[in-house]
Structure formats: structure tokens, C-alpha cells
Amino acid sequence: PPVYTAVIDAGSSGTRLFFYKVTPGPYAQIEMLIDNFERKVQPNGKKE
């Protein structure tokens, strides 16, 4: 079965979500399902 995995990049200037479908193998096949999603403004109205 493929592996469904999200990776959250918690950087110094923002927090971004990537979501992938990965097929393991000698050369893993990687399909991006969510590309660099972020909320630049928090629910409280402040910059993220």
C-alpha cells in the first residue's frame, strides 16, 4: 500500500503543510497532494 504522509515545515517565518502519497521502492515515487498550504493570518487576526 502507498504511504499517505503530511510533513509540516515549521520554519522561522511561517508554518506550511505538504501532503504526499508515497510509493516506497529503490527510487520512491512521490506525488504531492497538498502543496505548501499555510494560513498567513492566525484565527486571532495576528500574522502567523
All heavy atoms as atom14 arrays in JSON, in Angstrom:
{
  "sequence": "PPVYTAVIDAGSSGTRLFFYKVTPGPYAQIEMLIDNFERKVQPNGKKE",
  "atom14_mask": [
    [1, 1, 1, 1, 1, 1, 1, 0, 0, 0, 0, 0, 0, 0],
    [1, 1, 1, 1, 1, 1, 1, 0, 0, 0, 0, 0, 0, 0],
    [1, 1, 1, 1, 1, 1, 1, 0, 0, 0, 0, 0, 0, 0],
    [1, 1, 1, 1, 1, 1, 1, 1, 1, 1, 1, 1, 0, 0],
    [1, 1, 1, 1, 1, 1, 1, 0, 0, 0, 0, 0, 0, 0],
    [1, 1, 1, 1, 1, 0, 0, 0, 0, 0, 0, 0, 0, 0],
    [1, 1, 1, 1, 1, 1, 1, 0, 0, 0, 0, 0, 0, 0],
    [1, 1, 1, 1, 1, 1, 1, 1, 0, 0, 0, 0, 0, 0],
    [1, 1, 1, 1, 1, 1, 1, 1, 0, 0, 0, 0, 0, 0],
    [1, 1, 1, 1, 1, 0, 0, 0, 0, 0, 0, 0, 0, 0],
    [1, 1, 1, 1, 0, 0, 0, 0, 0, 0, 0, 0, 0, 0],
    [1, 1, 1, 1, 1, 1, 0, 0, 0, 0, 0, 0, 0, 0],
    [1, 1, 1, 1, 1, 1, 0, 0, 0, 0, 0, 0, 0, 0],
    [1, 1, 1, 1, 0, 0, 0, 0, 0, 0, 0, 0, 0, 0],
    [1, 1, 1, 1, 1, 1, 1, 0, 0, 0, 0, 0, 0, 0],
    [1, 1, 1, 1, 1, 1, 1, 1, 1, 1, 1, 0, 0, 0],
    [1, 1, 1, 1, 1, 1, 1, 1, 0, 0, 0, 0, 0, 0],
    [1, 1, 1, 1, 1, 1, 1, 1, 1, 1, 1, 0, 0, 0],
    [1, 1, 1, 1, 1, 1, 1, 1, 1, 1, 1, 0, 0, 0],
    [1, 1, 1, 1, 1, 1, 1, 1, 1, 1, 1, 1, 0, 0],
    [1, 1, 1, 1, 1, 1, 1, 1, 1, 0, 0, 0, 0, 0],
    [1, 1, 1, 1, 1, 1, 1, 0, 0, 0, 0, 0, 0, 0],
    [1, 1, 1, 1, 1, 1, 1, 0, 0, 0, 0, 0, 0, 0],
    [1, 1, 1, 1, 1, 1, 1, 0, 0, 0, 0, 0, 0, 0],
    [1, 1, 1, 1, 0, 0, 0, 0, 0, 0, 0, 0, 0, 0],
    [1, 1, 1, 1, 1, 1, 1, 0, 0, 0, 0, 0, 0, 0],
    [1, 1, 1, 1, 1, 1, 1, 1, 1, 1, 1, 1, 0, 0],
    [1, 1, 1, 1, 1, 0, 0, 0, 0, 0, 0, 0, 0, 0],
    [1, 1, 1, 1, 1, 1, 1, 1, 1, 0, 0, 0, 0, 0],
    [1, 1, 1, 1, 1, 1, 1, 1, 0, 0, 0, 0, 0, 0],
    [1, 1, 1, 1, 1, 1, 1, 1, 1, 0, 0, 0, 0, 0],
    [1, 1, 1, 1, 1, 1, 1, 1, 0, 0, 0, 0, 0, 0],
    [1, 1, 1, 1, 1, 1, 1, 1, 0, 0, 0, 0, 0, 0],
    [1, 1, 1, 1, 1, 1, 1, 1, 0, 0, 0, 0, 0, 0],
    [1, 1, 1, 1, 1, 1, 1, 1, 0, 0, 0, 0, 0, 0],
    [1, 1, 1, 1, 1, 1, 1, 1, 0, 0, 0, 0, 0, 0],
    [1, 1, 1, 1, 1, 1, 1, 1, 1, 1, 1, 0, 0, 0],
    [1, 1, 1, 1, 1, 1, 1, 1, 1, 0, 0, 0, 0, 0],
    [1, 1, 1, 1, 1, 1, 1, 1, 1, 1, 1, 0, 0, 0],
    [1, 1, 1, 1, 1, 1, 1, 1, 1, 0, 0, 0, 0, 0],
    [1, 1, 1, 1, 1, 1, 1, 0, 0, 0, 0, 0, 0, 0],
    [1, 1, 1, 1, 1, 1, 1, 1, 1, 0, 0, 0, 0, 0],
    [1, 1, 1, 1, 1, 1, 1, 0, 0, 0, 0, 0, 0, 0],
    [1, 1, 1, 1, 1, 1, 1, 1, 0, 0, 0, 0, 0, 0],
    [1, 1, 1, 1, 0, 0, 0, 0, 0, 0, 0, 0, 0, 0],
    [1, 1, 1, 1, 1, 1, 1, 1, 1, 0, 0, 0, 0, 0],
    [1, 1, 1, 1, 1, 1, 1, 1, 1, 0, 0, 0, 0, 0],
    [1, 1, 1, 1, 1, 1, 1, 1, 1, 0, 0, 0, 0, 0]
  ],
  "atom14_positions": [
    [[0.83, -1.21, 0.0], [0.0, 0.0, 0.0], [0.86, 1.26, 0.0], [1.96, 1.28, 0.56], [-0.79, -0.12, 1.3], [0.06, -0.97, 2.19], [0.75, -1.94, 1.28], [0.0, 0.0, 0.0], [0.0, 0.0, 0.0], [0.0, 0.0, 0.0], [0.0, 0.0, 0.0], [0.0, 0.0, 0.0], [0.0, 0.0, 0.0], [0.0, 0.0, 0.0]],
    [[0.38, 2.32, -0.63], [1.11, 3.59, -0.58], [1.07, 4.17, 0.82], [0.2, 3.81, 1.64], [0.35, 4.47, -1.57], [-1.04, 3.91, -1.59], [-0.88, 2.43, -1.4], [0.0, 0.0, 0.0], [0.0, 0.0, 0.0], [0.0, 0.0, 0.0], [0.0, 0.0, 0.0], [0.0, 0.0, 0.0], [0.0, 0.0, 0.0], [0.0, 0.0, 0.0]],
    [[1.98, 5.03, 1.09], [2.05, 5.72, 2.37], [1.5, 7.14, 2.17], [1.97, 7.87, 1.29], [3.5, 5.79, 2.9], [3.56, 6.57, 4.21], [4.06, 4.39, 3.08], [0.0, 0.0, 0.0], [0.0, 0.0, 0.0], [0.0, 0.0, 0.0], [0.0, 0.0, 0.0], [0.0, 0.0, 0.0], [0.0, 0.0, 0.0], [0.0, 0.0, 0.0]],
    [[0.53, 7.5, 2.98], [-0.01, 8.87, 2.95], [0.59, 9.61, 4.14], [0.39, 9.22, 5.3], [-1.53, 8.86, 3.03], [-2.19, 8.36, 1.76], [-2.5, 7.0, 1.6], [-2.48, 9.23, 0.7], [-3.09, 6.53, 0.44], [-3.07, 8.76, -0.47], [-3.37, 7.42, -0.59], [-3.96, 6.96, -1.75], [0.0, 0.0, 0.0], [0.0, 0.0, 0.0]],
    [[1.33, 10.65, 3.84], [2.04, 11.32, 4.93], [2.07, 12.83, 4.71], [2.33, 13.31, 3.6], [3.47, 10.76, 5.08], [4.14, 11.42, 6.14], [4.27, 10.92, 3.79], [0.0, 0.0, 0.0], [0.0, 0.0, 0.0], [0.0, 0.0, 0.0], [0.0, 0.0, 0.0], [0.0, 0.0, 0.0], [0.0, 0.0, 0.0], [0.0, 0.0, 0.0]],
    [[1.77, 13.56, 5.76], [1.89, 15.02, 5.74], [3.19, 15.4, 6.42], [3.62, 14.76, 7.38], [0.7, 15.65, 6.47], [0.0, 0.0, 0.0], [0.0, 0.0, 0.0], [0.0, 0.0, 0.0], [0.0, 0.0, 0.0], [0.0, 0.0, 0.0], [0.0, 0.0, 0.0], [0.0, 0.0, 0.0], [0.0, 0.0, 0.0], [0.0, 0.0, 0.0]],
    [[3.81, 16.43, 5.91], [5.02, 16.98, 6.53], [4.77, 18.47, 6.75], [4.53, 19.21, 5.79], [6.27, 16.77, 5.67], [7.5, 17.27, 6.41], [6.43, 15.3, 5.3], [0.0, 0.0, 0.0], [0.0, 0.0, 0.0], [0.0, 0.0, 0.0], [0.0, 0.0, 0.0], [0.0, 0.0, 0.0], [0.0, 0.0, 0.0], [0.0, 0.0, 0.0]],
    [[4.81, 18.89, 8.0], [4.63, 20.3, 8.33], [6.01, 20.93, 8.5], [6.81, 20.5, 9.34], [3.79, 20.47, 9.61], [2.38, 19.92, 9.4], [3.72, 21.95, 10.01], [1.51, 19.93, 10.66], [0.0, 0.0, 0.0], [0.0, 0.0, 0.0], [0.0, 0.0, 0.0], [0.0, 0.0, 0.0], [0.0, 0.0, 0.0], [0.0, 0.0, 0.0]],
    [[6.27, 21.92, 7.68], [7.53, 22.67, 7.72], [7.33, 23.85, 8.67], [6.7, 24.85, 8.31], [7.88, 23.14, 6.3], [9.07, 24.07, 6.25], [9.65, 24.36, 7.31], [9.41, 24.53, 5.14], [0.0, 0.0, 0.0], [0.0, 0.0, 0.0], [0.0, 0.0, 0.0], [0.0, 0.0, 0.0], [0.0, 0.0, 0.0], [0.0, 0.0, 0.0]],
    [[7.84, 23.71, 9.88], [7.69, 24.76, 10.89], [8.91, 25.66, 10.85], [9.88, 25.46, 11.59], [7.5, 24.15, 12.27], [0.0, 0.0, 0.0], [0.0, 0.0, 0.0], [0.0, 0.0, 0.0], [0.0, 0.0, 0.0], [0.0, 0.0, 0.0], [0.0, 0.0, 0.0], [0.0, 0.0, 0.0], [0.0, 0.0, 0.0], [0.0, 0.0, 0.0]],
    [[8.88, 26.63, 9.94], [10.02, 27.5, 9.74], [10.01, 28.71, 10.64], [9.07, 28.93, 11.43], [0.0, 0.0, 0.0], [0.0, 0.0, 0.0], [0.0, 0.0, 0.0], [0.0, 0.0, 0.0], [0.0, 0.0, 0.0], [0.0, 0.0, 0.0], [0.0, 0.0, 0.0], [0.0, 0.0, 0.0], [0.0, 0.0, 0.0], [0.0, 0.0, 0.0]],
    [[11.04, 29.53, 10.51], [11.18, 30.69, 11.38], [10.28, 31.84, 10.98], [10.13, 32.81, 11.73], [12.64, 31.16, 11.37], [13.06, 31.45, 10.06], [0.0, 0.0, 0.0], [0.0, 0.0, 0.0], [0.0, 0.0, 0.0], [0.0, 0.0, 0.0], [0.0, 0.0, 0.0], [0.0, 0.0, 0.0], [0.0, 0.0, 0.0], [0.0, 0.0, 0.0]],
    [[9.66, 31.76, 9.79], [8.8, 32.85, 9.35], [7.39, 32.38, 8.99], [6.61, 33.14, 8.43], [9.42, 33.56, 8.14], [9.62, 32.64, 7.07], [0.0, 0.0, 0.0], [0.0, 0.0, 0.0], [0.0, 0.0, 0.0], [0.0, 0.0, 0.0], [0.0, 0.0, 0.0], [0.0, 0.0, 0.0], [0.0, 0.0, 0.0], [0.0, 0.0, 0.0]],
    [[7.06, 31.13, 9.3], [5.74, 30.62, 8.99], [5.7, 29.1, 9.05], [6.74, 28.44, 9.12], [0.0, 0.0, 0.0], [0.0, 0.0, 0.0], [0.0, 0.0, 0.0], [0.0, 0.0, 0.0], [0.0, 0.0, 0.0], [0.0, 0.0, 0.0], [0.0, 0.0, 0.0], [0.0, 0.0, 0.0], [0.0, 0.0, 0.0], [0.0, 0.0, 0.0]],
    [[4.47, 28.56, 9.02], [4.27, 27.12, 9.17], [3.46, 26.62, 7.99], [2.33, 27.08, 7.76], [3.54, 26.82, 10.5], [4.17, 27.56, 11.55], [3.57, 25.35, 10.83], [0.0, 0.0, 0.0], [0.0, 0.0, 0.0], [0.0, 0.0, 0.0], [0.0, 0.0, 0.0], [0.0, 0.0, 0.0], [0.0, 0.0, 0.0], [0.0, 0.0, 0.0]],
    [[4.02, 25.67, 7.24], [3.43, 25.24, 5.97], [3.2, 23.74, 5.95], [4.04, 22.97, 6.45], [4.34, 25.66, 4.81], [4.43, 27.16, 4.64], [5.64, 27.59, 3.85], [6.87, 27.48, 4.64], [7.3, 28.43, 5.45], [6.62, 29.55, 5.58], [8.42, 28.28, 6.13], [0.0, 0.0, 0.0], [0.0, 0.0, 0.0], [0.0, 0.0, 0.0]],
    [[2.1, 23.33, 5.34], [1.72, 21.92, 5.25], [1.94, 21.4, 3.83], [1.5, 22.01, 2.86], [0.25, 21.75, 5.62], [-0.35, 20.36, 5.38], [0.11, 19.38, 6.47], [-1.88, 20.42, 5.35], [0.0, 0.0, 0.0], [0.0, 0.0, 0.0], [0.0, 0.0, 0.0], [0.0, 0.0, 0.0], [0.0, 0.0, 0.0], [0.0, 0.0, 0.0]],
    [[2.62, 20.25, 3.74], [2.73, 19.49, 2.5], [2.15, 18.11, 2.76], [2.35, 17.53, 3.83], [4.19, 19.36, 2.06], [4.85, 20.65, 1.69], [5.42, 21.46, 2.68], [4.92, 21.08, 0.38], [6.04, 22.66, 2.35], [5.54, 22.28, 0.04], [6.09, 23.07, 1.03], [0.0, 0.0, 0.0], [0.0, 0.0, 0.0], [0.0, 0.0, 0.0]],
    [[1.45, 17.56, 1.77], [0.83, 16.24, 1.92], [1.16, 15.42, 0.68], [1.02, 15.89, -0.45], [-0.68, 16.4, 2.07], [-1.43, 15.11, 2.24], [-0.94, 14.07, 3.02], [-2.66, 14.93, 1.6], [-1.65, 12.88, 3.17], [-3.37, 13.75, 1.75], [-2.86, 12.73, 2.52], [0.0, 0.0, 0.0], [0.0, 0.0, 0.0], [0.0, 0.0, 0.0]],
    [[1.63, 14.18, 0.92], [2.14, 13.35, -0.16], [1.55, 11.94, -0.13], [1.23, 11.41, 0.93], [3.66, 13.21, -0.05], [4.44, 14.49, -0.13], [4.81, 15.17, 1.03], [4.86, 15.0, -1.35], [5.57, 16.33, 0.97], [5.61, 16.16, -1.42], [5.96, 16.83, -0.26], [6.71, 17.98, -0.31], [0.0, 0.0, 0.0], [0.0, 0.0, 0.0]],
    [[1.5, 11.35, -1.31], [1.28, 9.92, -1.48], [2.61, 9.34, -1.94], [3.14, 9.73, -2.97], [0.19, 9.65, -2.52], [-0.03, 8.18, -2.82], [-1.07, 8.02, -3.94], [-1.27, 6.55, -4.31], [-2.25, 6.4, -5.42], [0.0, 0.0, 0.0], [0.0, 0.0, 0.0], [0.0, 0.0, 0.0], [0.0, 0.0, 0.0], [0.0, 0.0, 0.0]],
    [[3.14, 8.4, -1.16], [4.48, 7.87, -1.42], [4.4, 6.38, -1.68], [3.8, 5.63, -0.9], [5.42, 8.12, -0.22], [6.82, 7.62, -0.55], [5.44, 9.6, 0.14], [0.0, 0.0, 0.0], [0.0, 0.0, 0.0], [0.0, 0.0, 0.0], [0.0, 0.0, 0.0], [0.0, 0.0, 0.0], [0.0, 0.0, 0.0], [0.0, 0.0, 0.0]],
    [[5.0, 5.95, -2.77], [5.15, 4.52, -3.07], [6.6, 4.14, -2.83], [7.48, 4.54, -3.6], [4.75, 4.2, -4.51], [3.41, 4.65, -4.74], [4.83, 2.7, -4.77], [0.0, 0.0, 0.0], [0.0, 0.0, 0.0], [0.0, 0.0, 0.0], [0.0, 0.0, 0.0], [0.0, 0.0, 0.0], [0.0, 0.0, 0.0], [0.0, 0.0, 0.0]],
    [[6.88, 3.37, -1.77], [8.27, 3.04, -1.45], [8.9, 2.16, -2.52], [8.22, 1.44, -3.25], [8.15, 2.27, -0.12], [6.82, 2.68, 0.45], [5.94, 2.88, -0.74], [0.0, 0.0, 0.0], [0.0, 0.0, 0.0], [0.0, 0.0, 0.0], [0.0, 0.0, 0.0], [0.0, 0.0, 0.0], [0.0, 0.0, 0.0], [0.0, 0.0, 0.0]],
    [[10.21, 2.23, -2.62], [10.97, 1.42, -3.58], [12.4, 1.91, -3.63], [12.76, 2.85, -2.91], [0.0, 0.0, 0.0], [0.0, 0.0, 0.0], [0.0, 0.0, 0.0], [0.0, 0.0, 0.0], [0.0, 0.0, 0.0], [0.0, 0.0, 0.0], [0.0, 0.0, 0.0], [0.0, 0.0, 0.0], [0.0, 0.0, 0.0], [0.0, 0.0, 0.0]],
    [[13.23, 1.31, -4.47], [14.61, 1.8, -4.6], [14.67, 3.29, -4.94], [15.54, 4.01, -4.47], [15.18, 0.94, -5.73], [14.37, -0.31, -5.7], [12.99, 0.11, -5.31], [0.0, 0.0, 0.0], [0.0, 0.0, 0.0], [0.0, 0.0, 0.0], [0.0, 0.0, 0.0], [0.0, 0.0, 0.0], [0.0, 0.0, 0.0], [0.0, 0.0, 0.0]],
    [[13.71, 3.74, -5.77], [13.54, 5.16, -6.06], [12.08, 5.48, -5.77], [11.19, 5.22, -6.58], [13.9, 5.46, -7.51], [13.64, 6.88, -7.94], [14.5, 7.9, -7.56], [12.54, 7.21, -8.71], [14.27, 9.21, -7.95], [12.29, 8.51, -9.11], [13.16, 9.51, -8.73], [12.92, 10.81, -9.11], [0.0, 0.0, 0.0], [0.0, 0.0, 0.0]],
    [[11.82, 6.01, -4.59], [10.44, 6.22, -4.14], [9.69, 7.15, -5.09], [10.23, 8.16, -5.54], [10.44, 6.79, -2.73], [0.0, 0.0, 0.0], [0.0, 0.0, 0.0], [0.0, 0.0, 0.0], [0.0, 0.0, 0.0], [0.0, 0.0, 0.0], [0.0, 0.0, 0.0], [0.0, 0.0, 0.0], [0.0, 0.0, 0.0], [0.0, 0.0, 0.0]],
    [[8.44, 6.78, -5.39], [7.57, 7.62, -6.2], [6.77, 8.53, -5.27], [6.11, 8.03, -4.34], [6.64, 6.76, -7.05], [7.37, 5.79, -7.96], [8.27, 6.5, -8.95], [7.83, 7.38, -9.68], [9.54, 6.11, -8.98], [0.0, 0.0, 0.0], [0.0, 0.0, 0.0], [0.0, 0.0, 0.0], [0.0, 0.0, 0.0], [0.0, 0.0, 0.0]],
    [[6.83, 9.82, -5.5], [6.23, 10.79, -4.58], [5.27, 11.69, -5.35], [5.67, 12.38, -6.29], [7.32, 11.62, -3.88], [8.29, 10.69, -3.14], [6.69, 12.62, -2.92], [9.49, 11.41, -2.56], [0.0, 0.0, 0.0], [0.0, 0.0, 0.0], [0.0, 0.0, 0.0], [0.0, 0.0, 0.0], [0.0, 0.0, 0.0], [0.0, 0.0, 0.0]],
    [[4.03, 11.69, -4.92], [3.0, 12.55, -5.53], [2.55, 13.57, -4.49], [2.1, 13.2, -3.4], [1.82, 11.71, -5.99], [0.69, 12.53, -6.59], [-0.54, 11.69, -6.94], [-0.48, 10.45, -6.77], [-1.55, 12.29, -7.37], [0.0, 0.0, 0.0], [0.0, 0.0, 0.0], [0.0, 0.0, 0.0], [0.0, 0.0, 0.0], [0.0, 0.0, 0.0]],
    [[2.65, 14.84, -4.83], [2.24, 15.89, -3.9], [0.73, 16.12, -4.01], [0.21, 16.4, -5.08], [2.99, 17.19, -4.19], [2.7, 18.3, -3.2], [3.59, 19.83, -3.61], [5.28, 19.39, -3.21], [0.0, 0.0, 0.0], [0.0, 0.0, 0.0], [0.0, 0.0, 0.0], [0.0, 0.0, 0.0], [0.0, 0.0, 0.0], [0.0, 0.0, 0.0]],
    [[0.03, 15.99, -2.89], [-1.42, 16.15, -2.86], [-1.85, 17.51, -2.29], [-2.9, 18.02, -2.64], [-2.05, 15.02, -2.03], [-1.74, 13.59, -2.52], [-2.39, 12.58, -1.6], [-2.2, 13.4, -3.95], [0.0, 0.0, 0.0], [0.0, 0.0, 0.0], [0.0, 0.0, 0.0], [0.0, 0.0, 0.0], [0.0, 0.0, 0.0], [0.0, 0.0, 0.0]],
    [[-1.07, 18.05, -1.39], [-1.28, 19.42, -0.89], [0.06, 20.13, -0.99], [1.07, 19.67, -0.46], [-1.79, 19.46, 0.56], [-3.19, 18.85, 0.66], [-1.82, 20.9, 1.08], [-3.76, 18.84, 2.08], [0.0, 0.0, 0.0], [0.0, 0.0, 0.0], [0.0, 0.0, 0.0], [0.0, 0.0, 0.0], [0.0, 0.0, 0.0], [0.0, 0.0, 0.0]],
    [[0.07, 21.27, -1.65], [1.31, 21.98, -1.95], [1.4, 23.26, -1.12], [0.67, 24.22, -1.34], [1.33, 22.33, -3.45], [2.57, 23.1, -3.86], [3.43, 23.35, -3.01], [2.67, 23.46, -5.05], [0.0, 0.0, 0.0], [0.0, 0.0, 0.0], [0.0, 0.0, 0.0], [0.0, 0.0, 0.0], [0.0, 0.0, 0.0], [0.0, 0.0, 0.0]],
    [[2.27, 23.23, -0.1], [2.68, 24.46, 0.59], [1.49, 25.26, 1.12], [1.38, 26.47, 0.9], [3.51, 25.32, -0.36], [4.31, 26.39, 0.35], [4.57, 26.3, 1.55], [4.71, 27.41, -0.38], [0.0, 0.0, 0.0], [0.0, 0.0, 0.0], [0.0, 0.0, 0.0], [0.0, 0.0, 0.0], [0.0, 0.0, 0.0], [0.0, 0.0, 0.0]],
    [[0.61, 24.59, 1.85], [-0.57, 25.28, 2.4], [-0.2, 25.95, 3.71], [0.38, 25.34, 4.6], [-1.7, 24.28, 2.64], [-2.92, 24.9, 3.27], [-3.86, 25.56, 2.5], [-3.11, 24.84, 4.65], [-4.97, 26.15, 3.09], [-4.22, 25.42, 5.24], [-5.15, 26.08, 4.46], [0.0, 0.0, 0.0], [0.0, 0.0, 0.0], [0.0, 0.0, 0.0]],
    [[-0.56, 27.22, 3.83], [-0.35, 27.92, 5.1], [-1.43, 28.97, 5.3], [-2.04, 29.46, 4.34], [1.03, 28.58, 5.15], [1.23, 29.75, 4.22], [2.58, 30.44, 4.42], [2.96, 30.65, 5.59], [3.23, 30.77, 3.42], [0.0, 0.0, 0.0], [0.0, 0.0, 0.0], [0.0, 0.0, 0.0], [0.0, 0.0, 0.0], [0.0, 0.0, 0.0]],
    [[-1.67, 29.26, 6.57], [-2.56, 30.36, 6.94], [-1.68, 31.51, 7.41], [-1.12, 31.47, 8.51], [-3.5, 29.94, 8.07], [-4.51, 28.89, 7.68], [-5.6, 29.48, 6.82], [-6.7, 28.55, 6.63], [-7.6, 28.65, 5.67], [-7.53, 29.66, 4.81], [-8.58, 27.78, 5.56], [0.0, 0.0, 0.0], [0.0, 0.0, 0.0], [0.0, 0.0, 0.0]],
    [[-1.54, 32.53, 6.58], [-0.64, 33.62, 6.91], [-1.16, 34.49, 8.04], [-0.4, 35.21, 8.68], [-0.37, 34.46, 5.67], [0.39, 33.68, 4.58], [0.75, 34.54, 3.4], [1.54, 33.72, 2.37], [1.94, 34.52, 1.2], [0.0, 0.0, 0.0], [0.0, 0.0, 0.0], [0.0, 0.0, 0.0], [0.0, 0.0, 0.0], [0.0, 0.0, 0.0]],
    [[-2.47, 34.41, 8.27], [-3.08, 35.13, 9.38], [-3.73, 34.11, 10.31], [-4.49, 33.25, 9.86], [-4.12, 36.15, 8.89], [-4.77, 36.86, 10.07], [-3.46, 37.17, 7.96], [0.0, 0.0, 0.0], [0.0, 0.0, 0.0], [0.0, 0.0, 0.0], [0.0, 0.0, 0.0], [0.0, 0.0, 0.0], [0.0, 0.0, 0.0], [0.0, 0.0, 0.0]],
    [[-3.43, 34.17, 11.59], [-3.99, 33.25, 12.57], [-5.47, 33.57, 12.81], [-5.93, 34.68, 12.51], [-3.23, 33.36, 13.89], [-1.76, 33.05, 13.79], [-1.04, 33.29, 15.1], [-1.5, 32.87, 16.16], [0.09, 33.98, 15.04], [0.0, 0.0, 0.0], [0.0, 0.0, 0.0], [0.0, 0.0, 0.0], [0.0, 0.0, 0.0], [0.0, 0.0, 0.0]],
    [[-6.21, 32.61, 13.38], [-7.62, 32.89, 13.71], [-7.8, 34.1, 14.62], [-8.86, 34.73, 14.61], [-8.06, 31.6, 14.41], [-7.21, 30.54, 13.8], [-5.88, 31.2, 13.58], [0.0, 0.0, 0.0], [0.0, 0.0, 0.0], [0.0, 0.0, 0.0], [0.0, 0.0, 0.0], [0.0, 0.0, 0.0], [0.0, 0.0, 0.0], [0.0, 0.0, 0.0]],
    [[-6.77, 34.45, 15.4], [-6.89, 35.62, 16.28], [-6.57, 36.92, 15.55], [-6.56, 38.0, 16.16], [-5.99, 35.47, 17.51], [-4.5, 35.41, 17.14], [-4.12, 35.56, 15.99], [-3.67, 35.17, 18.14], [0.0, 0.0, 0.0], [0.0, 0.0, 0.0], [0.0, 0.0, 0.0], [0.0, 0.0, 0.0], [0.0, 0.0, 0.0], [0.0, 0.0, 0.0]],
    [[-6.3, 36.82, 14.24], [-6.06, 38.01, 13.43], [-4.61, 38.44, 13.33], [-4.29, 39.35, 12.56], [0.0, 0.0, 0.0], [0.0, 0.0, 0.0], [0.0, 0.0, 0.0], [0.0, 0.0, 0.0], [0.0, 0.0, 0.0], [0.0, 0.0, 0.0], [0.0, 0.0, 0.0], [0.0, 0.0, 0.0], [0.0, 0.0, 0.0], [0.0, 0.0, 0.0]],
    [[-3.7, 37.79, 14.06], [-2.29, 38.16, 14.01], [-1.58, 37.4, 12.9], [-2.0, 36.31, 12.51], [-1.62, 37.88, 15.36], [-2.11, 38.76, 16.5], [-1.3, 38.5, 17.77], [-1.74, 39.43, 18.89], [-0.95, 39.19, 20.14], [0.0, 0.0, 0.0], [0.0, 0.0, 0.0], [0.0, 0.0, 0.0], [0.0, 0.0, 0.0], [0.0, 0.0, 0.0]],
    [[-0.47, 37.96, 12.44], [0.34, 37.31, 11.42], [0.91, 36.01, 11.97], [1.37, 35.97, 13.11], [1.47, 38.23, 10.97], [2.39, 37.62, 9.92], [3.53, 38.58, 9.57], [4.48, 37.94, 8.57], [5.62, 38.83, 8.25], [0.0, 0.0, 0.0], [0.0, 0.0, 0.0], [0.0, 0.0, 0.0], [0.0, 0.0, 0.0], [0.0, 0.0, 0.0]],
    [[0.86, 34.96, 11.16], [1.46, 33.68, 11.57], [2.93, 33.72, 11.21], [3.3, 33.7, 10.05], [0.75, 32.52, 10.85], [0.94, 31.17, 11.55], [2.29, 30.53, 11.29], [2.49, 30.01, 10.2], [3.14, 30.59, 12.22], [0.0, 0.0, 0.0], [0.0, 0.0, 0.0], [0.0, 0.0, 0.0], [0.0, 0.0, 0.0], [0.0, 0.0, 0.0]]
  ]
}
